[in-house]
Amino acid sequence: MHLLFDLDGTLTDPFPGIIKSIQHALVALGHPAPPDNDLRWCIGPPLRQVFARLLDTKDASLIESAVLKYRDRFGTVGLFENDLYPGIETALAELKRSGHTFGVATSKPAVFAVRIIEHFGLKPYFRSIDGSEMDGTRADKTSLIAYILKRDAIAPADTIMIGDREFDMIGARQNGVAALGVLWGYGSRAELEAAGAFACVASPQELPAALAQISVR
């Protein structure tokens, strides 16, 4: 089975780096920065969608300015204000021994995703690390997963998307891929199940058993 892992909220907890970088961008543009916990919902959606909502605008140039201000901080400091979830590497090692292959499928730019995966020493586990382009191309999970499946000639029936938000579940199901929700990230069980998760797991330690026992078709 080929397992596609979301990054933020699934492999790593990026809360400090993402939230501080969003606040930095808002202040740089002369807008108030909401408190940290009011921005928890920002982890998961594509960044341009986040700023469109925060700035209450459809102005593409303003949204792009916010993205650039965000990256000023995130690209140098924020991407490393991040923690590997306890038990993730052990789960990956066990799943690899079981014969699964892995890929990363994240809405964040691939150039950042690669640096984060390398920072935590996880690159040897992954056959591919995919994300969006810097201009936002393939920032939505539907187009990203479709791109990965086509490029690598992977059958949807042989693939499982693993993630913590509805965007992961929706992108998977729209490509005919089974979706497994994880509950240690930023989405609730209700959100994940409503978006099409065939099951949810509460901890990384449960991943190997869940993938071994659950029939996805």
C-alpha atoms as a PDB file:
ATOM      1  CA  MET A   1       0.000   0.000   0.000  1.00  0.00           C
ATOM      2  CA  HIS A   2       1.204   3.532  -0.762  1.00  0.00           C
ATOM      3  CA  LEU A   3       0.583   5.874   2.164  1.00  0.00           C
ATOM      4  CA  LEU A   4       0.324   9.623   1.570  1.00  0.00           C
ATOM      5  CA  PHE A   5       0.939  11.617   4.734  1.00  0.00           C
ATOM      6  CA  ASP A   6      -0.134  15.181   5.328  1.00  0.00           C
ATOM      7  CA  LEU A   7       2.636  17.174   7.041  1.00  0.00           C
ATOM      8  CA  ASP A   8       1.202  19.883   9.313  1.00  0.00           C
ATOM      9  CA  GLY A   9      -0.855  18.351  12.110  1.00  0.00           C
ATOM     10  CA  THR A  10      -0.036  14.803  11.040  1.00  0.00           C
ATOM     11  CA  LEU A  11       3.732  14.295  11.021  1.00  0.00           C
ATOM     12  CA  THR A  12       4.681  17.495  12.837  1.00  0.00           C
ATOM     13  CA  ASP A  13       3.039  20.108  15.030  1.00  0.00           C
ATOM     14  CA  PRO A  14       3.783  23.434  13.297  1.00  0.00           C
ATOM     15  CA  PHE A  15       1.652  25.653  15.522  1.00  0.00           C
ATOM     16  CA  PRO A  16       4.241  28.215  16.776  1.00  0.00           C
ATOM     17  CA  GLY A  17       5.906  28.785  13.411  1.00  0.00           C
ATOM     18  CA  ILE A  18       2.737  29.105  11.354  1.00  0.00           C
ATOM     19  CA  ILE A  19       0.834  31.243  13.845  1.00  0.00           C
ATOM     20  CA  LYS A  20       3.719  33.632  14.531  1.00  0.00           C
ATOM     21  CA  SER A  21       4.331  34.017  10.807  1.00  0.00           C
ATOM     22  CA  ILE A  22       0.664  34.787  10.143  1.00  0.00           C
ATOM     23  CA  GLN A  23       0.687  37.374  12.926  1.00  0.00           C
ATOM     24  CA  HIS A  24       3.898  38.854  11.519  1.00  0.00           C
ATOM     25  CA  ALA A  25       2.296  39.230   8.088  1.00  0.00           C
ATOM     26  CA  LEU A  26      -0.857  40.864   9.437  1.00  0.00           C
ATOM     27  CA  VAL A  27       1.060  43.391  11.537  1.00  0.00           C
ATOM     28  CA  ALA A  28       3.397  44.161   8.619  1.00  0.00           C
ATOM     29  CA  LEU A  29       0.330  45.072   6.554  1.00  0.00           C
ATOM     30  CA  GLY A  30      -1.109  47.261   9.309  1.00  0.00           C
ATOM     31  CA  HIS A  31      -3.740  44.836  10.559  1.00  0.00           C
ATOM     32  CA  PRO A  32      -4.284  43.595  14.117  1.00  0.00           C
ATOM     33  CA  ALA A  33      -2.967  40.137  14.912  1.00  0.00           C
ATOM     34  CA  PRO A  34      -5.539  37.849  16.603  1.00  0.00           C
ATOM     35  CA  PRO A  35      -4.465  35.821  19.652  1.00  0.00           C
ATOM     36  CA  ASP A  36      -2.745  32.511  19.003  1.00  0.00           C
ATOM     37  CA  ASN A  37      -5.700  30.266  19.805  1.00  0.00           C
ATOM     38  CA  ASP A  38      -8.026  32.256  17.541  1.00  0.00           C
ATOM     39  CA  LEU A  39      -5.814  31.196  14.649  1.00  0.00           C
ATOM     40  CA  ARG A  40      -5.819  27.424  15.200  1.00  0.00           C
ATOM     41  CA  TRP A  41      -8.147  26.982  12.233  1.00  0.00           C
ATOM     42  CA  CYS A  42      -5.408  28.383   9.979  1.00  0.00           C
ATOM     43  CA  ILE A  43      -3.449  25.134  10.121  1.00  0.00           C
ATOM     44  CA  GLY A  44      -4.664  23.027   7.247  1.00  0.00           C
ATOM     45  CA  PRO A  45      -6.203  25.253   4.554  1.00  0.00           C
ATOM     46  CA  PRO A  46      -4.083  26.664   1.707  1.00  0.00           C
ATOM     47  CA  LEU A  47      -2.349  29.854   2.863  1.00  0.00           C
ATOM     48  CA  ARG A  48      -4.012  32.143   0.338  1.00  0.00           C
ATOM     49  CA  GLN A  49      -7.430  31.001   1.549  1.00  0.00           C
ATOM     50  CA  VAL A  50      -6.341  31.755   5.116  1.00  0.00           C
ATOM     51  CA  PHE A  51      -5.331  35.332   4.302  1.00  0.00           C
ATOM     52  CA  ALA A  52      -8.421  35.942   2.176  1.00  0.00           C
ATOM     53  CA  ARG A  53     -10.514  35.117   5.236  1.00  0.00           C
ATOM     54  CA  LEU A  54      -8.350  36.936   7.770  1.00  0.00           C
ATOM     55  CA  LEU A  55      -8.223  40.088   5.655  1.00  0.00           C
ATOM     56  CA  ASP A  56     -11.835  39.692   4.490  1.00  0.00           C
ATOM     57  CA  THR A  57     -10.784  40.357   0.925  1.00  0.00           C
ATOM     58  CA  LYS A  58     -10.768  38.957  -2.591  1.00  0.00           C
ATOM     59  CA  ASP A  59      -8.013  41.359  -3.620  1.00  0.00           C
ATOM     60  CA  ALA A  60      -5.395  39.044  -5.103  1.00  0.00           C
ATOM     61  CA  SER A  61      -2.595  41.595  -4.755  1.00  0.00           C
ATOM     62  CA  LEU A  62      -3.306  42.130  -1.051  1.00  0.00           C
ATOM     63  CA  ILE A  63      -3.466  38.387  -0.446  1.00  0.00           C
ATOM     64  CA  GLU A  64      -0.177  37.925  -2.291  1.00  0.00           C
ATOM     65  CA  SER A  65       1.431  40.670  -0.206  1.00  0.00           C
ATOM     66  CA  ALA A  66       0.341  38.842   2.946  1.00  0.00           C
ATOM     67  CA  VAL A  67       1.762  35.560   1.658  1.00  0.00           C
ATOM     68  CA  LEU A  68       5.108  37.229   0.922  1.00  0.00           C
ATOM     69  CA  LYS A  69       5.245  38.843   4.384  1.00  0.00           C
ATOM     70  CA  TYR A  70       4.405  35.459   5.914  1.00  0.00           C
ATOM     71  CA  ARG A  71       7.226  33.791   4.007  1.00  0.00           C
ATOM     72  CA  ASP A  72       9.701  36.476   5.069  1.00  0.00           C
ATOM     73  CA  ARG A  73       9.472  34.993   8.538  1.00  0.00           C
ATOM     74  CA  PHE A  74       8.395  31.407   7.897  1.00  0.00           C
ATOM     75  CA  GLY A  75      11.125  30.693   5.360  1.00  0.00           C
ATOM     76  CA  THR A  76      13.916  31.633   7.756  1.00  0.00           C
ATOM     77  CA  VAL A  77      12.578  30.998  11.264  1.00  0.00           C
ATOM     78  CA  GLY A  78       9.037  29.690  11.322  1.00  0.00           C
ATOM     79  CA  LEU A  79       9.489  26.397   9.507  1.00  0.00           C
ATOM     80  CA  PHE A  80      11.742  25.166  12.316  1.00  0.00           C
ATOM     81  CA  GLU A  81       9.389  26.310  15.114  1.00  0.00           C
ATOM     82  CA  ASN A  82       7.922  22.875  14.778  1.00  0.00           C
ATOM     83  CA  ASP A  83       7.897  19.571  16.657  1.00  0.00           C
ATOM     84  CA  LEU A  84       7.730  15.980  15.516  1.00  0.00           C
ATOM     85  CA  TYR A  85       4.728  14.259  17.074  1.00  0.00           C
ATOM     86  CA  PRO A  86       5.858  11.649  19.622  1.00  0.00           C
ATOM     87  CA  GLY A  87       5.645   8.166  18.169  1.00  0.00           C
ATOM     88  CA  ILE A  88       5.587   9.203  14.497  1.00  0.00           C
ATOM     89  CA  GLU A  89       9.040   7.922  13.594  1.00  0.00           C
ATOM     90  CA  THR A  90       8.413   4.632  15.371  1.00  0.00           C
ATOM     91  CA  ALA A  91       5.132   4.237  13.473  1.00  0.00           C
ATOM     92  CA  LEU A  92       6.844   4.990  10.142  1.00  0.00           C
ATOM     93  CA  ALA A  93       9.535   2.428  10.852  1.00  0.00           C
ATOM     94  CA  GLU A  94       6.968  -0.251  11.676  1.00  0.00           C
ATOM     95  CA  LEU A  95       4.886   0.560   8.609  1.00  0.00           C
ATOM     96  CA  LYS A  96       7.990   0.416   6.421  1.00  0.00           C
ATOM     97  CA  ARG A  97       8.832  -3.033   7.793  1.00  0.00           C
ATOM     98  CA  SER A  98       5.320  -4.083   6.798  1.00  0.00           C
ATOM     99  CA  GLY A  99       6.105  -3.231   3.188  1.00  0.00           C
ATOM    100  CA  HIS A 100       4.260   0.065   2.764  1.00  0.00           C
ATOM    101  CA  THR A 101       5.732   2.902   0.722  1.00  0.00           C
ATOM    102  CA  PHE A 102       5.330   6.532   1.746  1.00  0.00           C
ATOM    103  CA  GLY A 103       4.869   9.977   0.285  1.00  0.00           C
ATOM    104  CA  VAL A 104       4.245  13.417   1.770  1.00  0.00           C
ATOM    105  CA  ALA A 105       1.287  15.371   0.369  1.00  0.00           C
ATOM    106  CA  THR A 106       1.047  18.843   1.882  1.00  0.00           C
ATOM    107  CA  SER A 107      -0.525  22.143   0.884  1.00  0.00           C
ATOM    108  CA  LYS A 108       2.602  24.037   1.932  1.00  0.00           C
ATOM    109  CA  PRO A 109       5.236  24.713  -0.735  1.00  0.00           C
ATOM    110  CA  ALA A 110       7.302  21.635  -1.491  1.00  0.00           C
ATOM    111  CA  VAL A 111      10.554  23.573  -0.942  1.00  0.00           C
ATOM    112  CA  PHE A 112       9.577  24.122   2.694  1.00  0.00           C
ATOM    113  CA  ALA A 113       8.228  20.595   3.142  1.00  0.00           C
ATOM    114  CA  VAL A 114      11.519  19.067   2.016  1.00  0.00           C
ATOM    115  CA  ARG A 115      13.496  21.209   4.465  1.00  0.00           C
ATOM    116  CA  ILE A 116      11.195  20.247   7.345  1.00  0.00           C
ATOM    117  CA  ILE A 117      11.321  16.524   6.559  1.00  0.00           C
ATOM    118  CA  GLU A 118      15.112  16.703   6.291  1.00  0.00           C
ATOM    119  CA  HIS A 119      15.336  18.683   9.532  1.00  0.00           C
ATOM    120  CA  PHE A 120      13.629  15.870  11.430  1.00  0.00           C
ATOM    121  CA  GLY A 121      15.654  13.138   9.715  1.00  0.00           C
ATOM    122  CA  LEU A 122      12.598  11.576   8.085  1.00  0.00           C
ATOM    123  CA  LYS A 123      13.612  11.830   4.423  1.00  0.00           C
ATOM    124  CA  PRO A 124      14.815   8.186   4.163  1.00  0.00           C
ATOM    125  CA  TYR A 125      11.263   7.015   4.811  1.00  0.00           C
ATOM    126  CA  PHE A 126       9.661   8.897   1.925  1.00  0.00           C
ATOM    127  CA  ARG A 127       9.716   8.004  -1.741  1.00  0.00           C
ATOM    128  CA  SER A 128       8.412  11.468  -2.576  1.00  0.00           C
ATOM    129  CA  ILE A 129       7.780  14.789  -0.835  1.00  0.00           C
ATOM    130  CA  ASP A 130       5.137  16.824  -2.634  1.00  0.00           C
ATOM    131  CA  GLY A 131       3.522  20.159  -1.921  1.00  0.00           C
ATOM    132  CA  SER A 132       2.351  23.235  -3.737  1.00  0.00           C
ATOM    133  CA  GLU A 133       4.395  25.504  -5.960  1.00  0.00           C
ATOM    134  CA  MET A 134       5.274  28.924  -4.575  1.00  0.00           C
ATOM    135  CA  ASP A 135       2.564  30.496  -6.746  1.00  0.00           C
ATOM    136  CA  GLY A 136      -0.123  28.318  -5.143  1.00  0.00           C
ATOM    137  CA  THR A 137      -0.353  25.682  -7.866  1.00  0.00           C
ATOM    138  CA  ARG A 138      -1.550  22.373  -6.357  1.00  0.00           C
ATOM    139  CA  ALA A 139      -2.193  23.963  -2.952  1.00  0.00           C
ATOM    140  CA  ASP A 140      -5.523  22.134  -2.768  1.00  0.00           C
ATOM    141  CA  LYS A 141      -5.334  18.452  -1.886  1.00  0.00           C
ATOM    142  CA  THR A 142      -7.570  17.312  -4.739  1.00  0.00           C
ATOM    143  CA  SER A 143      -5.211  18.547  -7.454  1.00  0.00           C
ATOM    144  CA  LEU A 144      -2.105  17.582  -5.460  1.00  0.00           C
ATOM    145  CA  ILE A 145      -3.182  13.976  -4.943  1.00  0.00           C
ATOM    146  CA  ALA A 146      -4.274  13.698  -8.581  1.00  0.00           C
ATOM    147  CA  TYR A 147      -0.843  14.953  -9.646  1.00  0.00           C
ATOM    148  CA  ILE A 148       0.985  12.422  -7.444  1.00  0.00           C
ATOM    149  CA  LEU A 149      -1.126   9.473  -8.586  1.00  0.00           C
ATOM    150  CA  LYS A 150      -0.633  10.314 -12.268  1.00  0.00           C
ATOM    151  CA  ARG A 151       3.072  11.111 -12.062  1.00  0.00           C
ATOM    152  CA  ASP A 152       3.966   7.979 -10.111  1.00  0.00           C
ATOM    153  CA  ALA A 153       1.393   5.709 -11.792  1.00  0.00           C
ATOM    154  CA  ILE A 154      -0.112   4.756  -8.430  1.00  0.00           C
ATOM    155  CA  ALA A 155      -3.534   3.123  -8.425  1.00  0.00           C
ATOM    156  CA  PRO A 156      -6.040   4.961  -6.201  1.00  0.00           C
ATOM    157  CA  ALA A 157      -7.207   1.607  -4.796  1.00  0.00           C
ATOM    158  CA  ASP A 158      -3.650   0.960  -3.567  1.00  0.00           C
ATOM    159  CA  THR A 159      -3.368   4.323  -1.807  1.00  0.00           C
ATOM    160  CA  ILE A 160      -4.417   5.742   1.565  1.00  0.00           C
ATOM    161  CA  MET A 161      -4.280   9.446   2.470  1.00  0.00           C
ATOM    162  CA  ILE A 162      -3.525  10.082   6.133  1.00  0.00           C
ATOM    163  CA  GLY A 163      -4.272  13.527   7.543  1.00  0.00           C
ATOM    164  CA  ASP A 164      -5.828  15.629  10.286  1.00  0.00           C
ATOM    165  CA  ARG A 165      -8.158  17.981   8.389  1.00  0.00           C
ATOM    166  CA  GLU A 166     -11.178  17.753   6.111  1.00  0.00           C
ATOM    167  CA  PHE A 167      -9.080  18.990   3.188  1.00  0.00           C
ATOM    168  CA  ASP A 168      -7.082  15.748   3.296  1.00  0.00           C
ATOM    169  CA  MET A 169     -10.209  13.602   3.386  1.00  0.00           C
ATOM    170  CA  ILE A 170     -11.976  15.500   0.598  1.00  0.00           C
ATOM    171  CA  GLY A 171      -8.931  15.500  -1.660  1.00  0.00           C
ATOM    172  CA  ALA A 172      -8.515  11.775  -1.180  1.00  0.00           C
ATOM    173  CA  ARG A 173     -12.125  10.818  -1.797  1.00  0.00           C
ATOM    174  CA  GLN A 174     -12.352  13.013  -4.909  1.00  0.00           C
ATOM    175  CA  ASN A 175      -9.499  10.949  -6.322  1.00  0.00           C
ATOM    176  CA  GLY A 176     -10.953   7.592  -5.330  1.00  0.00           C
ATOM    177  CA  VAL A 177      -8.419   7.213  -2.520  1.00  0.00           C
ATOM    178  CA  ALA A 178      -9.287   5.978   0.963  1.00  0.00           C
ATOM    179  CA  ALA A 179      -8.780   8.533   3.736  1.00  0.00           C
ATOM    180  CA  LEU A 180      -7.685   7.848   7.316  1.00  0.00           C
ATOM    181  CA  GLY A 181      -8.125  10.641   9.865  1.00  0.00           C
ATOM    182  CA  VAL A 182      -5.736  11.340  12.734  1.00  0.00           C
ATOM    183  CA  LEU A 183      -6.954  12.967  15.930  1.00  0.00           C
ATOM    184  CA  TRP A 184      -3.716  14.406  17.327  1.00  0.00           C
ATOM    185  CA  GLY A 185      -3.714  17.317  14.880  1.00  0.00           C
ATOM    186  CA  TYR A 186      -6.124  20.178  14.229  1.00  0.00           C
ATOM    187  CA  GLY A 187      -9.343  18.549  13.033  1.00  0.00           C
ATOM    188  CA  SER A 188     -12.049  16.847  15.063  1.00  0.00           C
ATOM    189  CA  ARG A 189     -13.466  13.376  14.581  1.00  0.00           C
ATOM    190  CA  ALA A 190     -16.742  14.950  13.433  1.00  0.00           C
ATOM    191  CA  GLU A 191     -14.937  17.043  10.800  1.00  0.00           C
ATOM    192  CA  LEU A 192     -12.936  14.097   9.510  1.00  0.00           C
ATOM    193  CA  GLU A 193     -15.796  11.626   9.382  1.00  0.00           C
ATOM    194  CA  ALA A 194     -18.121  14.136   7.700  1.00  0.00           C
ATOM    195  CA  ALA A 195     -15.445  14.673   5.031  1.00  0.00           C
ATOM    196  CA  GLY A 196     -15.144  10.963   4.288  1.00  0.00           C
ATOM    197  CA  ALA A 197     -12.616   9.362   6.637  1.00  0.00           C
ATOM    198  CA  PHE A 198     -13.133   5.598   6.696  1.00  0.00           C
ATOM    199  CA  ALA A 199     -11.695   5.569  10.245  1.00  0.00           C
ATOM    200  CA  CYS A 200      -9.865   7.789  12.731  1.00  0.00           C
ATOM    201  CA  VAL A 201      -6.944   6.972  15.010  1.00  0.00           C
ATOM    202  CA  ALA A 202      -6.126   8.719  18.261  1.00  0.00           C
ATOM    203  CA  SER A 203      -2.341   8.338  18.371  1.00  0.00           C
ATOM    204  CA  PRO A 204       0.585   7.565  16.058  1.00  0.00           C
ATOM    205  CA  GLN A 205       1.088   4.308  17.933  1.00  0.00           C
ATOM    206  CA  GLU A 206      -2.275   3.120  16.586  1.00  0.00           C
ATOM    207  CA  LEU A 207      -1.420   3.668  12.924  1.00  0.00           C
ATOM    208  CA  PRO A 208       0.242   0.312  12.144  1.00  0.00           C
ATOM    209  CA  ALA A 209      -2.541  -1.739  13.692  1.00  0.00           C
ATOM    210  CA  ALA A 210      -5.258   0.370  12.084  1.00  0.00           C
ATOM    211  CA  LEU A 211      -3.739   0.028   8.638  1.00  0.00           C
ATOM    212  CA  ALA A 212      -3.205  -3.703   9.130  1.00  0.00           C
ATOM    213  CA  GLN A 213      -6.756  -4.402  10.299  1.00  0.00           C
ATOM    214  CA  ILE A 214      -9.036  -2.043   8.439  1.00  0.00           C
ATOM    215  CA  SER A 215     -10.360  -2.968   5.026  1.00  0.00           C
ATOM    216  CA  VAL A 216     -10.495   0.200   2.941  1.00  0.00           C
ATOM    217  CA  ARG A 217     -12.812  -1.176   0.282  1.00  0.00           C
END
